[in-house]
Each structure stands twice: as structure tokens, then as C-alpha cells.
Amino acid sequence: MTKKDLIEVVAQKAKLSKKAAKGAVETFLNEIMKSLSGGEVVKLSGFGTFKTKMFKGKTIKAIGSKEAKKIVARRMPRYIPGTKIKKMVK
């Protein structure tokens, strides 16, 4: 399912115009991204939890050239599925 498909489903199920459904979906996703960028945890009951995890910087060797490369420390988003989703996917 793509974002476009999701917008169409929301428009149909909520009996909204596609423009209003697009605005709702965009706002929902933007608020999740904004919260994550601020370091907050987003918990959606039954769906799952979105959070960020800090990874340390490290030095690796490139496979082809055996050259040492530095990877800087960074924060990455993570998703932990809720129990309802785990049961549905089983």
C-alpha cells in the first residue's frame, strides 16, 4: 500500500474528499516525523511504537579497497509493532 492508496482508503471510509483525506494523512505523518526529530517516543495503542535509537560512530574497512572509513554517530528511527499487529501478521 502506498501513501496514495492510503489517502484513497481514508477518503472512502471517512467519507471525505481526497483533498481533505490527503491533508489528514499528511498532517498525521508530519506530526509523527516532527515528534521523532525532537527525540520523542510516539506510541499508537494497538499499532506500535515509533522511537529513535542512537548509534555510536565507528571505523570500518571498505570491502573492495580495504580502505578505512569513518561512520559518524547518528540517530535512526525505529518501529516496534504492537500486539494486535503481531497477531494479525502471524
PDB file of N, CA and C in Angstrom:
ATOM      1  N   MET A   1       0.847  -1.173   0.000  1.00  0.00           N
ATOM      2  CA  MET A   1       0.000   0.000   0.000  1.00  0.00           C
ATOM      3  C   MET A   1       0.893   1.236   0.000  1.00  0.00           C
ATOM      4  N   THR A   2       0.604   2.149  -0.890  1.00  0.00           N
ATOM      5  CA  THR A   2       1.356   3.393  -0.959  1.00  0.00           C
ATOM      6  C   THR A   2       0.595   4.493  -0.224  1.00  0.00           C
ATOM      7  N   LYS A   3       1.237   5.641  -0.085  1.00  0.00           N
ATOM      8  CA  LYS A   3       0.569   6.765   0.565  1.00  0.00           C
ATOM      9  C   LYS A   3      -0.664   7.185  -0.230  1.00  0.00           C
ATOM     10  N   LYS A   4      -0.578   7.130  -1.542  1.00  0.00           N
ATOM     11  CA  LYS A   4      -1.721   7.467  -2.400  1.00  0.00           C
ATOM     12  C   LYS A   4      -2.888   6.503  -2.147  1.00  0.00           C
ATOM     13  N   ASP A   5      -2.588   5.211  -2.033  1.00  0.00           N
ATOM     14  CA  ASP A   5      -3.618   4.210  -1.729  1.00  0.00           C
ATOM     15  C   ASP A   5      -4.249   4.489  -0.368  1.00  0.00           C
ATOM     16  N   LEU A   6      -3.422   4.831   0.609  1.00  0.00           N
ATOM     17  CA  LEU A   6      -3.913   5.125   1.947  1.00  0.00           C
ATOM     18  C   LEU A   6      -4.853   6.332   1.929  1.00  0.00           C
ATOM     19  N   ILE A   7      -4.498   7.349   1.187  1.00  0.00           N
ATOM     20  CA  ILE A   7      -5.342   8.541   1.067  1.00  0.00           C
ATOM     21  C   ILE A   7      -6.694   8.173   0.470  1.00  0.00           C
ATOM     22  N   GLU A   8      -6.700   7.338  -0.551  1.00  0.00           N
ATOM     23  CA  GLU A   8      -7.953   6.919  -1.179  1.00  0.00           C
ATOM     24  C   GLU A   8      -8.825   6.124  -0.209  1.00  0.00           C
ATOM     25  N   VAL A   9      -8.221   5.238   0.576  1.00  0.00           N
ATOM     26  CA  VAL A   9      -8.974   4.443   1.544  1.00  0.00           C
ATOM     27  C   VAL A   9      -9.553   5.353   2.635  1.00  0.00           C
ATOM     28  N   VAL A  10      -8.750   6.290   3.139  1.00  0.00           N
ATOM     29  CA  VAL A  10      -9.227   7.216   4.169  1.00  0.00           C
ATOM     30  C   VAL A  10     -10.374   8.059   3.626  1.00  0.00           C
ATOM     31  N   ALA A  11     -10.246   8.534   2.403  1.00  0.00           N
ATOM     32  CA  ALA A  11     -11.306   9.340   1.789  1.00  0.00           C
ATOM     33  C   ALA A  11     -12.596   8.540   1.683  1.00  0.00           C
ATOM     34  N   GLN A  12     -12.489   7.299   1.279  1.00  0.00           N
ATOM     35  CA  GLN A  12     -13.662   6.450   1.095  1.00  0.00           C
ATOM     36  C   GLN A  12     -14.301   6.082   2.440  1.00  0.00           C
ATOM     37  N   LYS A  13     -13.502   5.610   3.391  1.00  0.00           N
ATOM     38  CA  LYS A  13     -14.034   5.140   4.670  1.00  0.00           C
ATOM     39  C   LYS A  13     -14.553   6.278   5.545  1.00  0.00           C
ATOM     40  N   ALA A  14     -13.886   7.444   5.507  1.00  0.00           N
ATOM     41  CA  ALA A  14     -14.297   8.570   6.342  1.00  0.00           C
ATOM     42  C   ALA A  14     -15.267   9.494   5.608  1.00  0.00           C
ATOM     43  N   LYS A  15     -15.578   9.143   4.367  1.00  0.00           N
ATOM     44  CA  LYS A  15     -16.482   9.941   3.525  1.00  0.00           C
ATOM     45  C   LYS A  15     -15.999  11.388   3.434  1.00  0.00           C
ATOM     46  N   LEU A  16     -14.715  11.519   3.076  1.00  0.00           N
ATOM     47  CA  LEU A  16     -14.074  12.822   2.895  1.00  0.00           C
ATOM     48  C   LEU A  16     -13.691  12.984   1.435  1.00  0.00           C
ATOM     49  N   SER A  17     -13.427  14.228   1.049  1.00  0.00           N
ATOM     50  CA  SER A  17     -12.880  14.446  -0.277  1.00  0.00           C
ATOM     51  C   SER A  17     -11.429  13.969  -0.262  1.00  0.00           C
ATOM     52  N   LYS A  18     -10.876  13.695  -1.437  1.00  0.00           N
ATOM     53  CA  LYS A  18      -9.482  13.240  -1.496  1.00  0.00           C
ATOM     54  C   LYS A  18      -8.550  14.323  -0.970  1.00  0.00           C
ATOM     55  N   LYS A  19      -8.905  15.579  -1.208  1.00  0.00           N
ATOM     56  CA  LYS A  19      -8.073  16.691  -0.739  1.00  0.00           C
ATOM     57  C   LYS A  19      -8.047  16.718   0.794  1.00  0.00           C
ATOM     58  N   ALA A  20      -9.207  16.542   1.428  1.00  0.00           N
ATOM     59  CA  ALA A  20      -9.275  16.539   2.898  1.00  0.00           C
ATOM     60  C   ALA A  20      -8.563  15.320   3.461  1.00  0.00           C
ATOM     61  N   ALA A  21      -8.734  14.164   2.822  1.00  0.00           N
ATOM     62  CA  ALA A  21      -8.067  12.942   3.281  1.00  0.00           C
ATOM     63  C   ALA A  21      -6.556  13.082   3.148  1.00  0.00           C
ATOM     64  N   LYS A  22      -6.107  13.690   2.068  1.00  0.00           N
ATOM     65  CA  LYS A  22      -4.670  13.901   1.866  1.00  0.00           C
ATOM     66  C   LYS A  22      -4.124  14.802   2.965  1.00  0.00           C
ATOM     67  N   GLY A  23      -4.863  15.849   3.290  1.00  0.00           N
ATOM     68  CA  GLY A  23      -4.443  16.753   4.357  1.00  0.00           C
ATOM     69  C   GLY A  23      -4.349  16.040   5.695  1.00  0.00           C
ATOM     70  N   ALA A  24      -5.326  15.173   5.975  1.00  0.00           N
ATOM     71  CA  ALA A  24      -5.329  14.428   7.238  1.00  0.00           C
ATOM     72  C   ALA A  24      -4.149  13.460   7.320  1.00  0.00           C
ATOM     73  N   VAL A  25      -3.915  12.721   6.250  1.00  0.00           N
ATOM     74  CA  VAL A  25      -2.812  11.746   6.230  1.00  0.00           C
ATOM     75  C   VAL A  25      -1.468  12.471   6.319  1.00  0.00           C
ATOM     76  N   GLU A  26      -1.310  13.546   5.562  1.00  0.00           N
ATOM     77  CA  GLU A  26      -0.061  14.322   5.579  1.00  0.00           C
ATOM     78  C   GLU A  26       0.200  14.888   6.973  1.00  0.00           C
ATOM     79  N   THR A  27      -0.837  15.437   7.606  1.00  0.00           N
ATOM     80  CA  THR A  27      -0.689  16.007   8.943  1.00  0.00           C
ATOM     81  C   THR A  27      -0.297  14.923   9.936  1.00  0.00           C
ATOM     82  N   PHE A  28      -0.945  13.775   9.863  1.00  0.00           N
ATOM     83  CA  PHE A  28      -0.645  12.654  10.753  1.00  0.00           C
ATOM     84  C   PHE A  28       0.819  12.238  10.621  1.00  0.00           C
ATOM     85  N   LEU A  29       1.272  12.028   9.401  1.00  0.00           N
ATOM     86  CA  LEU A  29       2.653  11.594   9.181  1.00  0.00           C
ATOM     87  C   LEU A  29       3.656  12.670   9.574  1.00  0.00           C
ATOM     88  N   ASN A  30       3.356  13.928   9.264  1.00  0.00           N
ATOM     89  CA  ASN A  30       4.266  15.028   9.617  1.00  0.00           C
ATOM     90  C   ASN A  30       4.411  15.171  11.124  1.00  0.00           C
ATOM     91  N   GLU A  31       3.327  14.982  11.867  1.00  0.00           N
ATOM     92  CA  GLU A  31       3.392  15.085  13.326  1.00  0.00           C
ATOM     93  C   GLU A  31       4.235  13.955  13.916  1.00  0.00           C
ATOM     94  N   ILE A  32       4.136  12.762  13.348  1.00  0.00           N
ATOM     95  CA  ILE A  32       4.981  11.655  13.812  1.00  0.00           C
ATOM     96  C   ILE A  32       6.450  11.992  13.538  1.00  0.00           C
ATOM     97  N   MET A  33       6.748  12.472  12.342  1.00  0.00           N
ATOM     98  CA  MET A  33       8.133  12.806  11.991  1.00  0.00           C
ATOM     99  C   MET A  33       8.671  13.938  12.865  1.00  0.00           C
ATOM    100  N   LYS A  34       7.838  14.940  13.132  1.00  0.00           N
ATOM    101  CA  LYS A  34       8.255  16.065  13.963  1.00  0.00           C
ATOM    102  C   LYS A  34       8.568  15.589  15.380  1.00  0.00           C
ATOM    103  N   SER A  35       7.731  14.724  15.919  1.00  0.00           N
ATOM    104  CA  SER A  35       7.960  14.193  17.265  1.00  0.00           C
ATOM    105  C   SER A  35       9.254  13.386  17.316  1.00  0.00           C
ATOM    106  N   LEU A  36       9.480  12.552  16.315  1.00  0.00           N
ATOM    107  CA  LEU A  36      10.702  11.740  16.280  1.00  0.00           C
ATOM    108  C   LEU A  36      11.939  12.613  16.152  1.00  0.00           C
ATOM    109  N   SER A  37      11.863  13.655  15.336  1.00  0.00           N
ATOM    110  CA  SER A  37      13.025  14.526  15.173  1.00  0.00           C
ATOM    111  C   SER A  37      13.339  15.275  16.461  1.00  0.00           C
ATOM    112  N   GLY A  38      12.332  15.466  17.320  1.00  0.00           N
ATOM    113  CA  GLY A  38      12.548  16.090  18.616  1.00  0.00           C
ATOM    114  C   GLY A  38      12.958  15.105  19.696  1.00  0.00           C
ATOM    115  N   GLY A  39      13.105  13.845  19.347  1.00  0.00           N
ATOM    116  CA  GLY A  39      13.547  12.831  20.292  1.00  0.00           C
ATOM    117  C   GLY A  39      12.416  12.205  21.092  1.00  0.00           C
ATOM    118  N   GLU A  40      11.160  12.504  20.750  1.00  0.00           N
ATOM    119  CA  GLU A  40      10.027  11.948  21.476  1.00  0.00           C
ATOM    120  C   GLU A  40       9.707  10.534  20.993  1.00  0.00           C
ATOM    121  N   VAL A  41       9.010   9.800  21.841  1.00  0.00           N
ATOM    122  CA  VAL A  41       8.517   8.467  21.503  1.00  0.00           C
ATOM    123  C   VAL A  41       7.050   8.614  21.129  1.00  0.00           C
ATOM    124  N   VAL A  42       6.632   7.987  20.014  1.00  0.00           N
ATOM    125  CA  VAL A  42       5.239   8.035  19.577  1.00  0.00           C
ATOM    126  C   VAL A  42       4.640   6.648  19.763  1.00  0.00           C
ATOM    127  N   LYS A  43       3.658   6.545  20.670  1.00  0.00           N
ATOM    128  CA  LYS A  43       3.003   5.261  20.946  1.00  0.00           C
ATOM    129  C   LYS A  43       1.587   5.318  20.414  1.00  0.00           C
ATOM    130  N   LEU A  44       1.251   4.404  19.512  1.00  0.00           N
ATOM    131  CA  LEU A  44      -0.099   4.293  18.975  1.00  0.00           C
ATOM    132  C   LEU A  44      -0.661   2.967  19.468  1.00  0.00           C
ATOM    133  N   SER A  45      -1.589   3.042  20.408  1.00  0.00           N
ATOM    134  CA  SER A  45      -2.134   1.856  21.057  1.00  0.00           C
ATOM    135  C   SER A  45      -2.636   0.833  20.037  1.00  0.00           C
ATOM    136  N   GLY A  46      -2.156  -0.391  20.149  1.00  0.00           N
ATOM    137  CA  GLY A  46      -2.560  -1.466  19.253  1.00  0.00           C
ATOM    138  C   GLY A  46      -1.784  -1.502  17.951  1.00  0.00           C
ATOM    139  N   PHE A  47      -1.152  -0.394  17.572  1.00  0.00           N
ATOM    140  CA  PHE A  47      -0.417  -0.340  16.306  1.00  0.00           C
ATOM    141  C   PHE A  47       1.073  -0.531  16.522  1.00  0.00           C
ATOM    142  N   GLY A  48       1.635   0.239  17.462  1.00  0.00           N
ATOM    143  CA  GLY A  48       3.059   0.108  17.712  1.00  0.00           C
ATOM    144  C   GLY A  48       3.674   1.379  18.239  1.00  0.00           C
ATOM    145  N   THR A  49       4.988   1.355  18.354  1.00  0.00           N
ATOM    146  CA  THR A  49       5.739   2.473  18.910  1.00  0.00           C
ATOM    147  C   THR A  49       6.819   2.890  17.923  1.00  0.00           C
ATOM    148  N   PHE A  50       6.912   4.193  17.701  1.00  0.00           N
ATOM    149  CA  PHE A  50       7.976   4.772  16.898  1.00  0.00           C
ATOM    150  C   PHE A  50       8.914   5.490  17.860  1.00  0.00           C
ATOM    151  N   LYS A  51      10.204   5.238  17.726  1.00  0.00           N
ATOM    152  CA  LYS A  51      11.185   5.927  18.558  1.00  0.00           C
ATOM    153  C   LYS A  51      12.500   6.011  17.799  1.00  0.00           C
ATOM    154  N   THR A  52      13.453   6.706  18.380  1.00  0.00           N
ATOM    155  CA  THR A  52      14.762   6.812  17.740  1.00  0.00           C
ATOM    156  C   THR A  52      15.796   6.108  18.612  1.00  0.00           C
ATOM    157  N   LYS A  53      16.851   5.647  17.964  1.00  0.00           N
ATOM    158  CA  LYS A  53      17.935   4.966  18.670  1.00  0.00           C
ATOM    159  C   LYS A  53      19.246   5.591  18.228  1.00  0.00           C
ATOM    160  N   MET A  54      20.122   5.843  19.169  1.00  0.00           N
ATOM    161  CA  MET A  54      21.420   6.438  18.880  1.00  0.00           C
ATOM    162  C   MET A  54      22.427   5.337  18.583  1.00  0.00           C
ATOM    163  N   PHE A  55      23.123   5.468  17.467  1.00  0.00           N
ATOM    164  CA  PHE A  55      24.186   4.541  17.090  1.00  0.00           C
ATOM    165  C   PHE A  55      25.525   5.245  17.227  1.00  0.00           C
ATOM    166  N   LYS A  56      26.494   4.566  17.817  1.00  0.00           N
ATOM    167  CA  LYS A  56      27.825   5.135  18.016  1.00  0.00           C
ATOM    168  C   LYS A  56      28.560   5.251  16.685  1.00  0.00           C
ATOM    169  N   GLY A  57      29.490   6.165  16.623  1.00  0.00           N
ATOM    170  CA  GLY A  57      30.365   6.264  15.467  1.00  0.00           C
ATOM    171  C   GLY A  57      31.364   5.118  15.486  1.00  0.00           C
ATOM    172  N   LYS A  58      31.803   4.718  14.301  1.00  0.00           N
ATOM    173  CA  LYS A  58      32.772   3.622  14.250  1.00  0.00           C
ATOM    174  C   LYS A  58      33.591   3.717  12.977  1.00  0.00           C
ATOM    175  N   THR A  59      34.673   2.953  12.934  1.00  0.00           N
ATOM    176  CA  THR A  59      35.533   2.883  11.753  1.00  0.00           C
ATOM    177  C   THR A  59      35.380   1.498  11.148  1.00  0.00           C
ATOM    178  N   ILE A  60      35.161   1.460   9.833  1.00  0.00           N
ATOM    179  CA  ILE A  60      35.016   0.179   9.132  1.00  0.00           C
ATOM    180  C   ILE A  60      36.016   0.113   7.990  1.00  0.00           C
ATOM    181  N   LYS A  61      36.205  -1.077   7.457  1.00  0.00           N
ATOM    182  CA  LYS A  61      37.052  -1.238   6.273  1.00  0.00           C
ATOM    183  C   LYS A  61      36.144  -1.476   5.081  1.00  0.00           C
ATOM    184  N   ALA A  62      36.340  -0.706   4.015  1.00  0.00           N
ATOM    185  CA  ALA A  62      35.560  -0.876   2.805  1.00  0.00           C
ATOM    186  C   ALA A  62      35.894  -2.224   2.184  1.00  0.00           C
ATOM    187  N   ILE A  63      34.892  -2.904   1.663  1.00  0.00           N
ATOM    188  CA  ILE A  63      35.071  -4.268   1.151  1.00  0.00           C
ATOM    189  C   ILE A  63      36.035  -4.313  -0.037  1.00  0.00           C
ATOM    190  N   GLY A  64      35.825  -3.472  -1.014  1.00  0.00           N
ATOM    191  CA  GLY A  64      36.634  -3.544  -2.229  1.00  0.00           C
ATOM    192  C   GLY A  64      38.042  -3.029  -2.062  1.00  0.00           C
ATOM    193  N   SER A  65      38.205  -1.865  -1.436  1.00  0.00           N
ATOM    194  CA  SER A  65      39.510  -1.222  -1.380  1.00  0.00           C
ATOM    195  C   SER A  65      40.258  -1.453  -0.072  1.00  0.00           C
ATOM    196  N   LYS A  66      39.618  -2.060   0.912  1.00  0.00           N
ATOM    197  CA  LYS A  66      40.204  -2.288   2.236  1.00  0.00           C
ATOM    198  C   LYS A  66      40.584  -0.973   2.916  1.00  0.00           C
ATOM    199  N   GLU A  67      40.001   0.113   2.447  1.00  0.00           N
ATOM    200  CA  GLU A  67      40.280   1.438   2.972  1.00  0.00           C
ATOM    201  C   GLU A  67      39.423   1.677   4.221  1.00  0.00           C
ATOM    202  N   ALA A  68      40.006   2.309   5.237  1.00  0.00           N
ATOM    203  CA  ALA A  68      39.265   2.588   6.465  1.00  0.00           C
ATOM    204  C   ALA A  68      38.323   3.769   6.240  1.00  0.00           C
ATOM    205  N   LYS A  69      37.058   3.608   6.659  1.00  0.00           N
ATOM    206  CA  LYS A  69      36.075   4.682   6.553  1.00  0.00           C
ATOM    207  C   LYS A  69      35.461   4.920   7.921  1.00  0.00           C
ATOM    208  N   LYS A  70      35.188   6.189   8.213  1.00  0.00           N
ATOM    209  CA  LYS A  70      34.556   6.527   9.474  1.00  0.00           C
ATOM    210  C   LYS A  70      33.064   6.702   9.252  1.00  0.00           C
ATOM    211  N   ILE A  71      32.284   6.112  10.137  1.00  0.00           N
ATOM    212  CA  ILE A  71      30.839   6.316  10.138  1.00  0.00           C
ATOM    213  C   ILE A  71      30.544   7.140  11.383  1.00  0.00           C
ATOM    214  N   VAL A  72      29.929   8.296  11.183  1.00  0.00           N
ATOM    215  CA  VAL A  72      29.664   9.195  12.300  1.00  0.00           C
ATOM    216  C   VAL A  72      28.501   8.675  13.147  1.00  0.00           C
ATOM    217  N   ALA A  73      28.478   9.101  14.397  1.00  0.00           N
ATOM    218  CA  ALA A  73      27.372   8.744  15.285  1.00  0.00           C
ATOM    219  C   ALA A  73      26.095   9.366  14.728  1.00  0.00           C
ATOM    220  N   ARG A  74      24.976   8.631  14.848  1.00  0.00           N
ATOM    221  CA  ARG A  74      23.724   9.146  14.284  1.00  0.00           C
ATOM    222  C   ARG A  74      22.541   8.556  15.028  1.00  0.00           C
ATOM    223  N   ARG A  75      21.428   9.234  14.883  1.00  0.00           N
ATOM    224  CA  ARG A  75      20.174   8.769  15.472  1.00  0.00           C
ATOM    225  C   ARG A  75      19.307   8.261  14.340  1.00  0.00           C
ATOM    226  N   MET A  76      18.746   7.063  14.522  1.00  0.00           N
ATOM    227  CA  MET A  76      17.938   6.444  13.479  1.00  0.00           C
ATOM    228  C   MET A  76      16.554   6.104  14.026  1.00  0.00           C
ATOM    229  N   PRO A  77      15.503   6.216  13.174  1.00  0.00           N
ATOM    230  CA  PRO A  77      14.155   5.857  13.626  1.00  0.00           C
ATOM    231  C   PRO A  77      13.985   4.345  13.703  1.00  0.00           C
ATOM    232  N   ARG A  78      13.162   3.916  14.658  1.00  0.00           N
ATOM    233  CA  ARG A  78      12.851   2.506  14.840  1.00  0.00           C
ATOM    234  C   ARG A  78      11.350   2.350  15.054  1.00  0.00           C
ATOM    235  N   TYR A  79      10.809   1.216  14.627  1.00  0.00           N
ATOM    236  CA  TYR A  79       9.394   0.904  14.820  1.00  0.00           C
ATOM    237  C   TYR A  79       9.291  -0.432  15.531  1.00  0.00           C
ATOM    238  N   ILE A  80       8.479  -0.475  16.588  1.00  0.00           N
ATOM    239  CA  ILE A  80       8.239  -1.711  17.323  1.00  0.00           C
ATOM    240  C   ILE A  80       6.749  -2.007  17.192  1.00  0.00           C
ATOM    241  N   PRO A  81       6.376  -3.086  16.518  1.00  0.00           N
ATOM    242  CA  PRO A  81       4.950  -3.373  16.310  1.00  0.00           C
ATOM    243  C   PRO A  81       4.228  -3.704  17.609  1.00  0.00           C
ATOM    244  N   GLY A  82       2.938  -3.332  17.648  1.00  0.00           N
ATOM    245  CA  GLY A  82       2.094  -3.637  18.796  1.00  0.00           C
ATOM    246  C   GLY A  82       1.589  -5.067  18.743  1.00  0.00           C
ATOM    247  N   THR A  83       0.952  -5.496  19.816  1.00  0.00           N
ATOM    248  CA  THR A  83       0.494  -6.884  19.905  1.00  0.00           C
ATOM    249  C   THR A  83      -0.585  -7.211  18.876  1.00  0.00           C
ATOM    250  N   LYS A  84      -1.468  -6.256  18.578  1.00  0.00           N
ATOM    251  CA  LYS A  84      -2.520  -6.517  17.582  1.00  0.00           C
ATOM    252  C   LYS A  84      -1.917  -6.804  16.217  1.00  0.00           C
ATOM    253  N   ILE A  85      -0.929  -6.028  15.835  1.00  0.00           N
ATOM    254  CA  ILE A  85      -0.291  -6.235  14.522  1.00  0.00           C
ATOM    255  C   ILE A  85       0.458  -7.563  14.513  1.00  0.00           C
ATOM    256  N   LYS A  86       1.159  -7.875  15.588  1.00  0.00           N
ATOM    257  CA  LYS A  86       1.888  -9.144  15.663  1.00  0.00           C
ATOM    258  C   LYS A  86       0.945 -10.323  15.478  1.00  0.00           C
ATOM    259  N   LYS A  87      -0.239 -10.246  16.113  1.00  0.00           N
ATOM    260  CA  LYS A  87      -1.211 -11.335  15.987  1.00  0.00           C
ATOM    261  C   LYS A  87      -1.793 -11.416  14.590  1.00  0.00           C
ATOM    262  N   MET A  88      -2.046 -10.272  13.946  1.00  0.00           N
ATOM    263  CA  MET A  88      -2.629 -10.257  12.606  1.00  0.00           C
ATOM    264  C   MET A  88      -1.677 -10.810  11.561  1.00  0.00           C
ATOM    265  N   VAL A  89      -0.400 -10.526  11.725  1.00  0.00           N
ATOM    266  CA  VAL A  89       0.603 -10.934  10.734  1.00  0.00           C
ATOM    267  C   VAL A  89       0.978 -12.390  10.894  1.00  0.00           C
ATOM    268  N   LYS A  90       0.812 -12.934  12.080  1.00  0.00           N
ATOM    269  CA  LYS A  90       1.175 -14.324  12.362  1.00  0.00           C
ATOM    270  C   LYS A  90       0.669 -15.300  11.367  1.00  0.00           C
TER     271      LYS A  90
END
